Amino acid sequence: MSTKSRAAESQETALSLKSAFNADRKQLIDKINDLETKLTLRQKTIQSLENKIHMQVQAESSTKNELNFWNGKVATLRRDLEYQQTFAENMQTENRKM
Protein backbone atom coordinates (compact mmCIF):
# COMPACT_ATOMS: atom_id res chain seq x y z
CA MET A 1 0.00 0.00 0.00
CA SER A 2 1.21 3.41 -0.79
CA THR A 3 1.61 6.24 1.63
CA LYS A 4 -1.12 8.21 -0.10
CA SER A 5 -3.64 5.41 0.20
CA ARG A 6 -2.71 4.92 3.89
CA ALA A 7 -3.07 8.64 4.52
CA ALA A 8 -6.42 8.68 2.72
CA GLU A 9 -7.50 5.63 4.67
CA SER A 10 -6.36 7.22 7.95
CA GLN A 11 -8.16 10.42 7.07
CA GLU A 12 -11.31 8.48 6.19
CA THR A 13 -11.10 6.56 9.49
CA ALA A 14 -10.56 9.80 11.43
CA LEU A 15 -13.52 11.40 9.68
CA SER A 16 -15.65 8.35 10.43
CA LEU A 17 -14.62 8.41 14.12
CA LYS A 18 -15.26 12.15 14.30
CA SER A 19 -18.74 11.68 12.81
CA ALA A 20 -19.50 8.87 15.27
CA PHE A 21 -18.20 11.00 18.15
CA ASN A 22 -20.34 13.96 17.08
CA ALA A 23 -23.42 11.74 16.75
CA ASP A 24 -22.84 10.26 20.22
CA ARG A 25 -22.19 13.73 21.60
CA LYS A 26 -25.44 15.03 20.13
CA GLN A 27 -27.38 12.12 21.63
CA LEU A 28 -25.83 12.74 25.03
CA ILE A 29 -26.56 16.47 24.85
CA ASP A 30 -30.17 15.70 23.88
CA LYS A 31 -30.47 13.23 26.76
CA ILE A 32 -28.98 15.76 29.22
CA ASN A 33 -31.38 18.45 28.01
CA ASP A 34 -34.30 16.03 28.34
CA LEU A 35 -33.26 15.08 31.89
CA GLU A 36 -32.83 18.75 32.85
CA THR A 37 -36.33 19.50 31.54
CA LYS A 38 -37.77 16.59 33.51
CA LEU A 39 -35.89 17.73 36.62
CA THR A 40 -37.26 21.25 36.25
CA LEU A 41 -40.81 19.90 35.89
CA ARG A 42 -40.39 17.69 38.96
CA GLN A 43 -38.99 20.60 40.96
CA LYS A 44 -42.02 22.69 39.98
CA THR A 45 -44.33 19.81 40.95
CA ILE A 46 -42.56 19.47 44.30
CA GLN A 47 -42.85 23.22 44.92
CA SER A 48 -46.53 23.12 44.03
CA LEU A 49 -47.15 20.21 46.40
CA GLU A 50 -45.21 21.93 49.19
CA ASN A 51 -47.34 25.05 48.70
CA LYS A 52 -50.50 22.93 48.76
CA ILE A 53 -49.38 21.21 51.98
CA HIS A 54 -48.58 24.59 53.54
CA MET A 55 -52.04 25.91 52.66
CA GLN A 56 -53.69 22.78 54.08
CA VAL A 57 -51.71 23.09 57.31
CA GLN A 58 -52.81 26.72 57.62
CA ALA A 59 -56.43 25.75 56.95
CA GLU A 60 -56.18 22.97 59.53
CA SER A 61 -54.76 25.38 62.09
CA SER A 62 -57.51 27.88 61.38
CA THR A 63 -60.16 25.17 61.70
CA LYS A 64 -58.69 24.00 65.02
CA ASN A 65 -58.70 27.58 66.33
CA GLU A 66 -62.31 28.05 65.29
CA LEU A 67 -63.29 24.72 66.85
CA ASN A 68 -61.57 25.66 70.12
CA PHE A 69 -63.41 29.01 70.06
CA TRP A 70 -66.80 27.33 69.66
CA ASN A 71 -65.98 24.68 72.26
CA GLY A 72 -65.20 27.52 74.68
CA LYS A 73 -68.49 29.22 73.84
CA VAL A 74 -70.42 25.99 74.42
CA ALA A 75 -68.65 25.37 77.72
CA THR A 76 -69.44 28.94 78.86
CA LEU A 77 -73.09 28.65 77.82
CA ARG A 78 -73.38 25.27 79.57
CA ARG A 79 -71.89 26.73 82.76
CA ASP A 80 -74.20 29.76 82.58
CA LEU A 81 -77.22 27.48 82.07
CA GLU A 82 -76.24 25.36 85.07
CA TYR A 83 -75.89 28.52 87.21
CA GLN A 84 -79.31 29.74 86.00
CA GLN A 85 -80.90 26.39 86.76
CA THR A 86 -79.33 26.29 90.22
CA PHE A 87 -80.44 29.86 90.85
CA ALA A 88 -83.99 29.09 89.64
CA GLU A 89 -84.15 25.97 91.83
CA ASN A 90 -82.93 27.97 94.83
CA MET A 91 -85.50 30.68 94.12
CA GLN A 92 -88.31 28.07 93.91
CA THR A 93 -87.14 26.56 97.19
CA GLU A 94 -87.11 30.03 98.80
CA ASN A 95 -90.57 30.83 97.41
CA ARG A 96 -91.99 27.56 98.77
CA LYS A 97 -90.61 28.34 102.21
CA MET A 98 -92.44 31.67 102.26
PDB file of N, CA and C in Angstrom:
ATOM      1  N   MET A   1       0.838  -1.176   0.000  1.00  0.00           N
ATOM      2  CA  MET A   1       0.000   0.000   0.000  1.00  0.00           C
ATOM      3  C   MET A   1       0.878   1.233   0.000  1.00  0.00           C
ATOM      4  N   SER A   2       0.418   2.192  -0.703  1.00  0.00           N
ATOM      5  CA  SER A   2       1.215   3.405  -0.794  1.00  0.00           C
ATOM      6  C   SER A   2       0.890   4.333   0.361  1.00  0.00           C
ATOM      7  N   THR A   3       1.746   5.283   0.537  1.00  0.00           N
ATOM      8  CA  THR A   3       1.611   6.235   1.627  1.00  0.00           C
ATOM      9  C   THR A   3       0.362   7.083   1.443  1.00  0.00           C
ATOM     10  N   LYS A   4       0.068   7.393   0.180  1.00  0.00           N
ATOM     11  CA  LYS A   4      -1.122   8.214  -0.103  1.00  0.00           C
ATOM     12  C   LYS A   4      -2.391   7.457   0.246  1.00  0.00           C
ATOM     13  N   SER A   5      -2.434   6.183  -0.092  1.00  0.00           N
ATOM     14  CA  SER A   5      -3.642   5.410   0.204  1.00  0.00           C
ATOM     15  C   SER A   5      -3.784   5.218   1.711  1.00  0.00           C
ATOM     16  N   ARG A   6      -2.644   5.032   2.423  1.00  0.00           N
ATOM     17  CA  ARG A   6      -2.715   4.920   3.888  1.00  0.00           C
ATOM     18  C   ARG A   6      -3.176   6.244   4.503  1.00  0.00           C
ATOM     19  N   ALA A   7      -2.676   7.330   4.012  1.00  0.00           N
ATOM     20  CA  ALA A   7      -3.075   8.641   4.520  1.00  0.00           C
ATOM     21  C   ALA A   7      -4.553   8.880   4.253  1.00  0.00           C
ATOM     22  N   ALA A   8      -5.007   8.515   3.066  1.00  0.00           N
ATOM     23  CA  ALA A   8      -6.421   8.676   2.720  1.00  0.00           C
ATOM     24  C   ALA A   8      -7.276   7.783   3.608  1.00  0.00           C
ATOM     25  N   GLU A   9      -6.775   6.570   3.817  1.00  0.00           N
ATOM     26  CA  GLU A   9      -7.500   5.629   4.674  1.00  0.00           C
ATOM     27  C   GLU A   9      -7.534   6.135   6.110  1.00  0.00           C
ATOM     28  N   SER A  10      -6.430   6.661   6.600  1.00  0.00           N
ATOM     29  CA  SER A  10      -6.363   7.222   7.951  1.00  0.00           C
ATOM     30  C   SER A  10      -7.296   8.427   8.082  1.00  0.00           C
ATOM     31  N   GLN A  11      -7.296   9.235   7.051  1.00  0.00           N
ATOM     32  CA  GLN A  11      -8.158  10.417   7.066  1.00  0.00           C
ATOM     33  C   GLN A  11      -9.633   9.993   7.050  1.00  0.00           C
ATOM     34  N   GLU A  12      -9.940   8.986   6.276  1.00  0.00           N
ATOM     35  CA  GLU A  12     -11.305   8.480   6.193  1.00  0.00           C
ATOM     36  C   GLU A  12     -11.732   7.883   7.541  1.00  0.00           C
ATOM     37  N   THR A  13     -10.819   7.134   8.175  1.00  0.00           N
ATOM     38  CA  THR A  13     -11.097   6.557   9.493  1.00  0.00           C
ATOM     39  C   THR A  13     -11.288   7.669  10.526  1.00  0.00           C
ATOM     40  N   ALA A  14     -10.454   8.677  10.496  1.00  0.00           N
ATOM     41  CA  ALA A  14     -10.558   9.798  11.429  1.00  0.00           C
ATOM     42  C   ALA A  14     -11.881  10.527  11.224  1.00  0.00           C
ATOM     43  N   LEU A  15     -12.260  10.726   9.990  1.00  0.00           N
ATOM     44  CA  LEU A  15     -13.518  11.398   9.679  1.00  0.00           C
ATOM     45  C   LEU A  15     -14.702  10.565  10.172  1.00  0.00           C
ATOM     46  N   SER A  16     -14.604   9.259   9.975  1.00  0.00           N
ATOM     47  CA  SER A  16     -15.653   8.353  10.435  1.00  0.00           C
ATOM     48  C   SER A  16     -15.762   8.386  11.960  1.00  0.00           C
ATOM     49  N   LEU A  17     -14.625   8.354  12.652  1.00  0.00           N
ATOM     50  CA  LEU A  17     -14.623   8.410  14.119  1.00  0.00           C
ATOM     51  C   LEU A  17     -15.170   9.746  14.615  1.00  0.00           C
ATOM     52  N   LYS A  18     -14.782  10.822  13.927  1.00  0.00           N
ATOM     53  CA  LYS A  18     -15.262  12.149  14.300  1.00  0.00           C
ATOM     54  C   LYS A  18     -16.773  12.230  14.132  1.00  0.00           C
ATOM     55  N   SER A  19     -17.289  11.674  13.053  1.00  0.00           N
ATOM     56  CA  SER A  19     -18.738  11.676  12.810  1.00  0.00           C
ATOM     57  C   SER A  19     -19.459  10.868  13.881  1.00  0.00           C
ATOM     58  N   ALA A  20     -18.899   9.705  14.224  1.00  0.00           N
ATOM     59  CA  ALA A  20     -19.500   8.867  15.266  1.00  0.00           C
ATOM     60  C   ALA A  20     -19.474   9.596  16.614  1.00  0.00           C
ATOM     61  N   PHE A  21     -18.338  10.247  16.905  1.00  0.00           N
ATOM     62  CA  PHE A  21     -18.199  11.002  18.146  1.00  0.00           C
ATOM     63  C   PHE A  21     -19.237  12.117  18.212  1.00  0.00           C
ATOM     64  N   ASN A  22     -19.375  12.856  17.119  1.00  0.00           N
ATOM     65  CA  ASN A  22     -20.338  13.957  17.083  1.00  0.00           C
ATOM     66  C   ASN A  22     -21.773  13.456  17.231  1.00  0.00           C
ATOM     67  N   ALA A  23     -22.073  12.313  16.627  1.00  0.00           N
ATOM     68  CA  ALA A  23     -23.419  11.742  16.746  1.00  0.00           C
ATOM     69  C   ALA A  23     -23.683  11.336  18.199  1.00  0.00           C
ATOM     70  N   ASP A  24     -22.693  10.660  18.815  1.00  0.00           N
ATOM     71  CA  ASP A  24     -22.840  10.260  20.218  1.00  0.00           C
ATOM     72  C   ASP A  24     -22.957  11.493  21.124  1.00  0.00           C
ATOM     73  N   ARG A  25     -22.160  12.496  20.814  1.00  0.00           N
ATOM     74  CA  ARG A  25     -22.186  13.729  21.600  1.00  0.00           C
ATOM     75  C   ARG A  25     -23.558  14.396  21.517  1.00  0.00           C
ATOM     76  N   LYS A  26     -24.124  14.427  20.306  1.00  0.00           N
ATOM     77  CA  LYS A  26     -25.444  15.027  20.127  1.00  0.00           C
ATOM     78  C   LYS A  26     -26.499  14.249  20.903  1.00  0.00           C
ATOM     79  N   GLN A  27     -26.425  12.926  20.875  1.00  0.00           N
ATOM     80  CA  GLN A  27     -27.378  12.117  21.634  1.00  0.00           C
ATOM     81  C   GLN A  27     -27.256  12.382  23.136  1.00  0.00           C
ATOM     82  N   LEU A  28     -26.036  12.468  23.610  1.00  0.00           N
ATOM     83  CA  LEU A  28     -25.831  12.743  25.032  1.00  0.00           C
ATOM     84  C   LEU A  28     -26.337  14.132  25.421  1.00  0.00           C
ATOM     85  N   ILE A  29     -26.081  15.107  24.583  1.00  0.00           N
ATOM     86  CA  ILE A  29     -26.559  16.471  24.852  1.00  0.00           C
ATOM     87  C   ILE A  29     -28.086  16.484  24.870  1.00  0.00           C
ATOM     88  N   ASP A  30     -28.708  15.784  23.912  1.00  0.00           N
ATOM     89  CA  ASP A  30     -30.170  15.704  23.883  1.00  0.00           C
ATOM     90  C   ASP A  30     -30.708  15.024  25.138  1.00  0.00           C
ATOM     91  N   LYS A  31     -30.045  13.953  25.559  1.00  0.00           N
ATOM     92  CA  LYS A  31     -30.466  13.229  26.757  1.00  0.00           C
ATOM     93  C   LYS A  31     -30.319  14.123  27.996  1.00  0.00           C
ATOM     94  N   ILE A  32     -29.202  14.844  28.093  1.00  0.00           N
ATOM     95  CA  ILE A  32     -28.977  15.756  29.218  1.00  0.00           C
ATOM     96  C   ILE A  32     -30.048  16.844  29.240  1.00  0.00           C
ATOM     97  N   ASN A  33     -30.345  17.415  28.088  1.00  0.00           N
ATOM     98  CA  ASN A  33     -31.379  18.450  28.014  1.00  0.00           C
ATOM     99  C   ASN A  33     -32.737  17.899  28.429  1.00  0.00           C
ATOM    100  N   ASP A  34     -33.044  16.672  27.985  1.00  0.00           N
ATOM    101  CA  ASP A  34     -34.304  16.030  28.343  1.00  0.00           C
ATOM    102  C   ASP A  34     -34.373  15.806  29.858  1.00  0.00           C
ATOM    103  N   LEU A  35     -33.290  15.316  30.447  1.00  0.00           N
ATOM    104  CA  LEU A  35     -33.261  15.085  31.890  1.00  0.00           C
ATOM    105  C   LEU A  35     -33.373  16.393  32.669  1.00  0.00           C
ATOM    106  N   GLU A  36     -32.722  17.452  32.184  1.00  0.00           N
ATOM    107  CA  GLU A  36     -32.829  18.751  32.847  1.00  0.00           C
ATOM    108  C   GLU A  36     -34.258  19.280  32.795  1.00  0.00           C
ATOM    109  N   THR A  37     -34.928  19.075  31.676  1.00  0.00           N
ATOM    110  CA  THR A  37     -36.327  19.495  31.538  1.00  0.00           C
ATOM    111  C   THR A  37     -37.205  18.721  32.513  1.00  0.00           C
ATOM    112  N   LYS A  38     -36.988  17.405  32.576  1.00  0.00           N
ATOM    113  CA  LYS A  38     -37.768  16.588  33.513  1.00  0.00           C
ATOM    114  C   LYS A  38     -37.498  17.003  34.959  1.00  0.00           C
ATOM    115  N   LEU A  39     -36.255  17.287  35.273  1.00  0.00           N
ATOM    116  CA  LEU A  39     -35.889  17.727  36.620  1.00  0.00           C
ATOM    117  C   LEU A  39     -36.590  19.033  36.965  1.00  0.00           C
ATOM    118  N   THR A  40     -36.592  19.963  36.028  1.00  0.00           N
ATOM    119  CA  THR A  40     -37.258  21.247  36.247  1.00  0.00           C
ATOM    120  C   THR A  40     -38.752  21.043  36.494  1.00  0.00           C
ATOM    121  N   LEU A  41     -39.379  20.173  35.703  1.00  0.00           N
ATOM    122  CA  LEU A  41     -40.807  19.902  35.886  1.00  0.00           C
ATOM    123  C   LEU A  41     -41.067  19.263  37.254  1.00  0.00           C
ATOM    124  N   ARG A  42     -40.215  18.336  37.654  1.00  0.00           N
ATOM    125  CA  ARG A  42     -40.388  17.690  38.959  1.00  0.00           C
ATOM    126  C   ARG A  42     -40.183  18.686  40.089  1.00  0.00           C
ATOM    127  N   GLN A  43     -39.211  19.585  39.936  1.00  0.00           N
ATOM    128  CA  GLN A  43     -38.993  20.601  40.964  1.00  0.00           C
ATOM    129  C   GLN A  43     -40.211  21.514  41.083  1.00  0.00           C
ATOM    130  N   LYS A  44     -40.816  21.860  39.941  1.00  0.00           N
ATOM    131  CA  LYS A  44     -42.024  22.690  39.976  1.00  0.00           C
ATOM    132  C   LYS A  44     -43.171  21.932  40.627  1.00  0.00           C
ATOM    133  N   THR A  45     -43.283  20.638  40.336  1.00  0.00           N
ATOM    134  CA  THR A  45     -44.327  19.813  40.950  1.00  0.00           C
ATOM    135  C   THR A  45     -44.122  19.733  42.458  1.00  0.00           C
ATOM    136  N   ILE A  46     -42.880  19.530  42.876  1.00  0.00           N
ATOM    137  CA  ILE A  46     -42.560  19.465  44.304  1.00  0.00           C
ATOM    138  C   ILE A  46     -42.908  20.786  44.974  1.00  0.00           C
ATOM    139  N   GLN A  47     -42.545  21.890  44.356  1.00  0.00           N
ATOM    140  CA  GLN A  47     -42.848  23.219  44.918  1.00  0.00           C
ATOM    141  C   GLN A  47     -44.352  23.414  45.041  1.00  0.00           C
ATOM    142  N   SER A  48     -45.072  22.992  44.007  1.00  0.00           N
ATOM    143  CA  SER A  48     -46.526  23.119  44.028  1.00  0.00           C
ATOM    144  C   SER A  48     -47.131  22.286  45.157  1.00  0.00           C
ATOM    145  N   LEU A  49     -46.645  21.063  45.326  1.00  0.00           N
ATOM    146  CA  LEU A  49     -47.146  20.206  46.402  1.00  0.00           C
ATOM    147  C   LEU A  49     -46.793  20.769  47.773  1.00  0.00           C
ATOM    148  N   GLU A  50     -45.590  21.318  47.910  1.00  0.00           N
ATOM    149  CA  GLU A  50     -45.207  21.932  49.187  1.00  0.00           C
ATOM    150  C   GLU A  50     -46.111  23.119  49.507  1.00  0.00           C
ATOM    151  N   ASN A  51     -46.426  23.916  48.491  1.00  0.00           N
ATOM    152  CA  ASN A  51     -47.340  25.051  48.696  1.00  0.00           C
ATOM    153  C   ASN A  51     -48.728  24.557  49.106  1.00  0.00           C
ATOM    154  N   LYS A  52     -49.181  23.489  48.459  1.00  0.00           N
ATOM    155  CA  LYS A  52     -50.496  22.932  48.765  1.00  0.00           C
ATOM    156  C   LYS A  52     -50.523  22.415  50.204  1.00  0.00           C
ATOM    157  N   ILE A  53     -49.471  21.721  50.612  1.00  0.00           N
ATOM    158  CA  ILE A  53     -49.377  21.214  51.984  1.00  0.00           C
ATOM    159  C   ILE A  53     -49.395  22.374  52.973  1.00  0.00           C
ATOM    160  N   HIS A  54     -48.635  23.421  52.665  1.00  0.00           N
ATOM    161  CA  HIS A  54     -48.577  24.591  53.544  1.00  0.00           C
ATOM    162  C   HIS A  54     -49.974  25.211  53.707  1.00  0.00           C
ATOM    163  N   MET A  55     -50.692  25.334  52.607  1.00  0.00           N
ATOM    164  CA  MET A  55     -52.044  25.907  52.659  1.00  0.00           C
ATOM    165  C   MET A  55     -52.979  25.013  53.477  1.00  0.00           C
ATOM    166  N   GLN A  56     -52.839  23.697  53.315  1.00  0.00           N
ATOM    167  CA  GLN A  56     -53.693  22.779  54.077  1.00  0.00           C
ATOM    168  C   GLN A  56     -53.367  22.831  55.563  1.00  0.00           C
ATOM    169  N   VAL A  57     -52.096  22.969  55.901  1.00  0.00           N
ATOM    170  CA  VAL A  57     -51.706  23.094  57.314  1.00  0.00           C
ATOM    171  C   VAL A  57     -52.292  24.371  57.899  1.00  0.00           C
ATOM    172  N   GLN A  58     -52.233  25.462  57.138  1.00  0.00           N
ATOM    173  CA  GLN A  58     -52.806  26.721  57.621  1.00  0.00           C
ATOM    174  C   GLN A  58     -54.318  26.595  57.803  1.00  0.00           C
ATOM    175  N   ALA A  59     -54.978  25.933  56.850  1.00  0.00           N
ATOM    176  CA  ALA A  59     -56.426  25.746  56.949  1.00  0.00           C
ATOM    177  C   ALA A  59     -56.765  24.876  58.148  1.00  0.00           C
ATOM    178  N   GLU A  60     -55.963  23.842  58.386  1.00  0.00           N
ATOM    179  CA  GLU A  60     -56.181  22.966  59.534  1.00  0.00           C
ATOM    180  C   GLU A  60     -56.017  23.749  60.837  1.00  0.00           C
ATOM    181  N   SER A  61     -54.999  24.574  60.901  1.00  0.00           N
ATOM    182  CA  SER A  61     -54.757  25.377  62.095  1.00  0.00           C
ATOM    183  C   SER A  61     -55.923  26.333  62.331  1.00  0.00           C
ATOM    184  N   SER A  62     -56.381  26.953  61.269  1.00  0.00           N
ATOM    185  CA  SER A  62     -57.510  27.883  61.377  1.00  0.00           C
ATOM    186  C   SER A  62     -58.764  27.152  61.850  1.00  0.00           C
ATOM    187  N   THR A  63     -58.990  25.964  61.309  1.00  0.00           N
ATOM    188  CA  THR A  63     -60.160  25.172  61.704  1.00  0.00           C
ATOM    189  C   THR A  63     -60.068  24.760  63.170  1.00  0.00           C
ATOM    190  N   LYS A  64     -58.866  24.368  63.606  1.00  0.00           N
ATOM    191  CA  LYS A  64     -58.685  24.004  65.021  1.00  0.00           C
ATOM    192  C   LYS A  64     -58.960  25.200  65.919  1.00  0.00           C
ATOM    193  N   ASN A  65     -58.463  26.370  65.536  1.00  0.00           N
ATOM    194  CA  ASN A  65     -58.700  27.583  66.333  1.00  0.00           C
ATOM    195  C   ASN A  65     -60.188  27.895  66.431  1.00  0.00           C
ATOM    196  N   GLU A  66     -60.872  27.774  65.300  1.00  0.00           N
ATOM    197  CA  GLU A  66     -62.308  28.046  65.290  1.00  0.00           C
ATOM    198  C   GLU A  66     -63.053  27.019  66.148  1.00  0.00           C
ATOM    199  N   LEU A  67     -62.662  25.764  66.052  1.00  0.00           N
ATOM    200  CA  LEU A  67     -63.294  24.715  66.854  1.00  0.00           C
ATOM    201  C   LEU A  67     -63.069  24.963  68.349  1.00  0.00           C
ATOM    202  N   ASN A  68     -61.853  25.337  68.711  1.00  0.00           N
ATOM    203  CA  ASN A  68     -61.570  25.664  70.118  1.00  0.00           C
ATOM    204  C   ASN A  68     -62.414  26.846  70.595  1.00  0.00           C
ATOM    205  N   PHE A  69     -62.581  27.851  69.723  1.00  0.00           N
ATOM    206  CA  PHE A  69     -63.406  29.006  70.059  1.00  0.00           C
ATOM    207  C   PHE A  69     -64.836  28.572  70.373  1.00  0.00           C
ATOM    208  N   TRP A  70     -65.414  27.757  69.463  1.00  0.00           N
ATOM    209  CA  TRP A  70     -66.802  27.326  69.657  1.00  0.00           C
ATOM    210  C   TRP A  70     -66.946  26.376  70.838  1.00  0.00           C
ATOM    211  N   ASN A  71     -65.939  25.539  71.068  1.00  0.00           N
ATOM    212  CA  ASN A  71     -65.977  24.678  72.258  1.00  0.00           C
ATOM    213  C   ASN A  71     -65.975  25.522  73.532  1.00  0.00           C
ATOM    214  N   GLY A  72     -65.204  26.595  73.540  1.00  0.00           N
ATOM    215  CA  GLY A  72     -65.195  27.519  74.679  1.00  0.00           C
ATOM    216  C   GLY A  72     -66.543  28.179  74.868  1.00  0.00           C
ATOM    217  N   LYS A  73     -67.156  28.597  73.759  1.00  0.00           N
ATOM    218  CA  LYS A  73     -68.489  29.221  73.836  1.00  0.00           C
ATOM    219  C   LYS A  73     -69.506  28.248  74.422  1.00  0.00           C
ATOM    220  N   VAL A  74     -69.469  27.000  73.929  1.00  0.00           N
ATOM    221  CA  VAL A  74     -70.417  25.994  74.416  1.00  0.00           C
ATOM    222  C   VAL A  74     -70.194  25.729  75.904  1.00  0.00           C
ATOM    223  N   ALA A  75     -68.946  25.614  76.306  1.00  0.00           N
ATOM    224  CA  ALA A  75     -68.647  25.374  77.724  1.00  0.00           C
ATOM    225  C   ALA A  75     -69.159  26.532  78.581  1.00  0.00           C
ATOM    226  N   THR A  76     -68.969  27.762  78.118  1.00  0.00           N
ATOM    227  CA  THR A  76     -69.438  28.939  78.862  1.00  0.00           C
ATOM    228  C   THR A  76     -70.962  28.953  78.939  1.00  0.00           C
ATOM    229  N   LEU A  77     -71.619  28.665  77.818  1.00  0.00           N
ATOM    230  CA  LEU A  77     -73.088  28.648  77.816  1.00  0.00           C
ATOM    231  C   LEU A  77     -73.620  27.535  78.718  1.00  0.00           C
ATOM    232  N   ARG A  78     -72.969  26.385  78.708  1.00  0.00           N
ATOM    233  CA  ARG A  78     -73.378  25.266  79.566  1.00  0.00           C
ATOM    234  C   ARG A  78     -73.237  25.659  81.048  1.00  0.00           C
ATOM    235  N   ARG A  79     -72.115  26.280  81.380  1.00  0.00           N
ATOM    236  CA  ARG A  79     -71.891  26.728  82.757  1.00  0.00           C
ATOM    237  C   ARG A  79     -72.941  27.753  83.177  1.00  0.00           C
ATOM    238  N   ASP A  80     -73.197  28.733  82.275  1.00  0.00           N
ATOM    239  CA  ASP A  80     -74.198  29.757  82.580  1.00  0.00           C
ATOM    240  C   ASP A  80     -75.579  29.135  82.771  1.00  0.00           C
ATOM    241  N   LEU A  81     -75.928  28.153  81.949  1.00  0.00           N
ATOM    242  CA  LEU A  81     -77.217  27.478  82.067  1.00  0.00           C
ATOM    243  C   LEU A  81     -77.324  26.740  83.395  1.00  0.00           C
ATOM    244  N   GLU A  82     -76.240  26.064  83.781  1.00  0.00           N
ATOM    245  CA  GLU A  82     -76.237  25.360  85.071  1.00  0.00           C
ATOM    246  C   GLU A  82     -76.412  26.350  86.225  1.00  0.00           C
ATOM    247  N   TYR A  83     -75.740  27.489  86.160  1.00  0.00           N
ATOM    248  CA  TYR A  83     -75.894  28.520  87.205  1.00  0.00           C
ATOM    249  C   TYR A  83     -77.333  29.025  87.250  1.00  0.00           C
ATOM    250  N   GLN A  84     -77.921  29.249  86.065  1.00  0.00           N
ATOM    251  CA  GLN A  84     -79.306  29.741  86.002  1.00  0.00           C
ATOM    252  C   GLN A  84     -80.263  28.702  86.579  1.00  0.00           C
ATOM    253  N   GLN A  85     -80.021  27.435  86.237  1.00  0.00           N
ATOM    254  CA  GLN A  85     -80.903  26.388  86.759  1.00  0.00           C
ATOM    255  C   GLN A  85     -80.778  26.284  88.282  1.00  0.00           C
ATOM    256  N   THR A  86     -79.552  26.344  88.769  1.00  0.00           N
ATOM    257  CA  THR A  86     -79.327  26.293  90.220  1.00  0.00           C
ATOM    258  C   THR A  86     -79.990  27.487  90.898  1.00  0.00           C
ATOM    259  N   PHE A  87     -79.825  28.648  90.297  1.00  0.00           N
ATOM    260  CA  PHE A  87     -80.443  29.856  90.855  1.00  0.00           C
ATOM    261  C   PHE A  87     -81.957  29.726  90.852  1.00  0.00           C
ATOM    262  N   ALA A  88     -82.530  29.238  89.743  1.00  0.00           N
ATOM    263  CA  ALA A  88     -83.991  29.092  89.644  1.00  0.00           C
ATOM    264  C   ALA A  88     -84.484  28.075  90.660  1.00  0.00           C
ATOM    265  N   GLU A  89     -83.761  26.971  90.836  1.00  0.00           N
ATOM    266  CA  GLU A  89     -84.155  25.968  91.829  1.00  0.00           C
ATOM    267  C   GLU A  89     -84.097  26.557  93.238  1.00  0.00           C
ATOM    268  N   ASN A  90     -83.041  27.316  93.507  1.00  0.00           N
ATOM    269  CA  ASN A  90     -82.926  27.967  94.827  1.00  0.00           C
ATOM    270  C   ASN A  90     -84.049  28.966  95.055  1.00  0.00           C
ATOM    271  N   MET A  91     -84.405  29.708  94.011  1.00  0.00           N
ATOM    272  CA  MET A  91     -85.504  30.677  94.124  1.00  0.00           C
ATOM    273  C   MET A  91     -86.826  29.957  94.379  1.00  0.00           C
ATOM    274  N   GLN A  92     -87.070  28.829  93.682  1.00  0.00           N
ATOM    275  CA  GLN A  92     -88.305  28.074  93.908  1.00  0.00           C
ATOM    276  C   GLN A  92     -88.364  27.553  95.344  1.00  0.00           C
ATOM    277  N   THR A  93     -87.218  27.069  95.807  1.00  0.00           N
ATOM    278  CA  THR A  93     -87.143  26.555  97.188  1.00  0.00           C
ATOM    279  C   THR A  93     -87.424  27.697  98.162  1.00  0.00           C
ATOM    280  N   GLU A  94     -86.866  28.865  97.941  1.00  0.00           N
ATOM    281  CA  GLU A  94     -87.106  30.027  98.803  1.00  0.00           C
ATOM    282  C   GLU A  94     -88.559  30.444  98.776  1.00  0.00           C
ATOM    283  N   ASN A  95     -89.171  30.419  97.562  1.00  0.00           N
ATOM    284  CA  ASN A  95     -90.572  30.832  97.407  1.00  0.00           C
ATOM    285  C   ASN A  95     -91.495  29.835  98.113  1.00  0.00           C
ATOM    286  N   ARG A  96     -91.168  28.566  98.105  1.00  0.00           N
ATOM    287  CA  ARG A  96     -91.995  27.564  98.768  1.00  0.00           C
ATOM    288  C   ARG A  96     -91.939  27.736 100.286  1.00  0.00           C
ATOM    289  N   LYS A  97     -90.782  28.149 100.759  1.00  0.00           N
ATOM    290  CA  LYS A  97     -90.606  28.340 102.206  1.00  0.00           C
ATOM    291  C   LYS A  97     -91.439  29.511 102.696  1.00  0.00           C
ATOM    292  N   MET A  98     -91.717  30.472 101.849  1.00  0.00           N
ATOM    293  CA  MET A  98     -92.442  31.667 102.264  1.00  0.00           C
ATOM    294  C   MET A  98     -93.885  31.454 102.334  1.00  0.00           C
TER     295      MET A  98
END
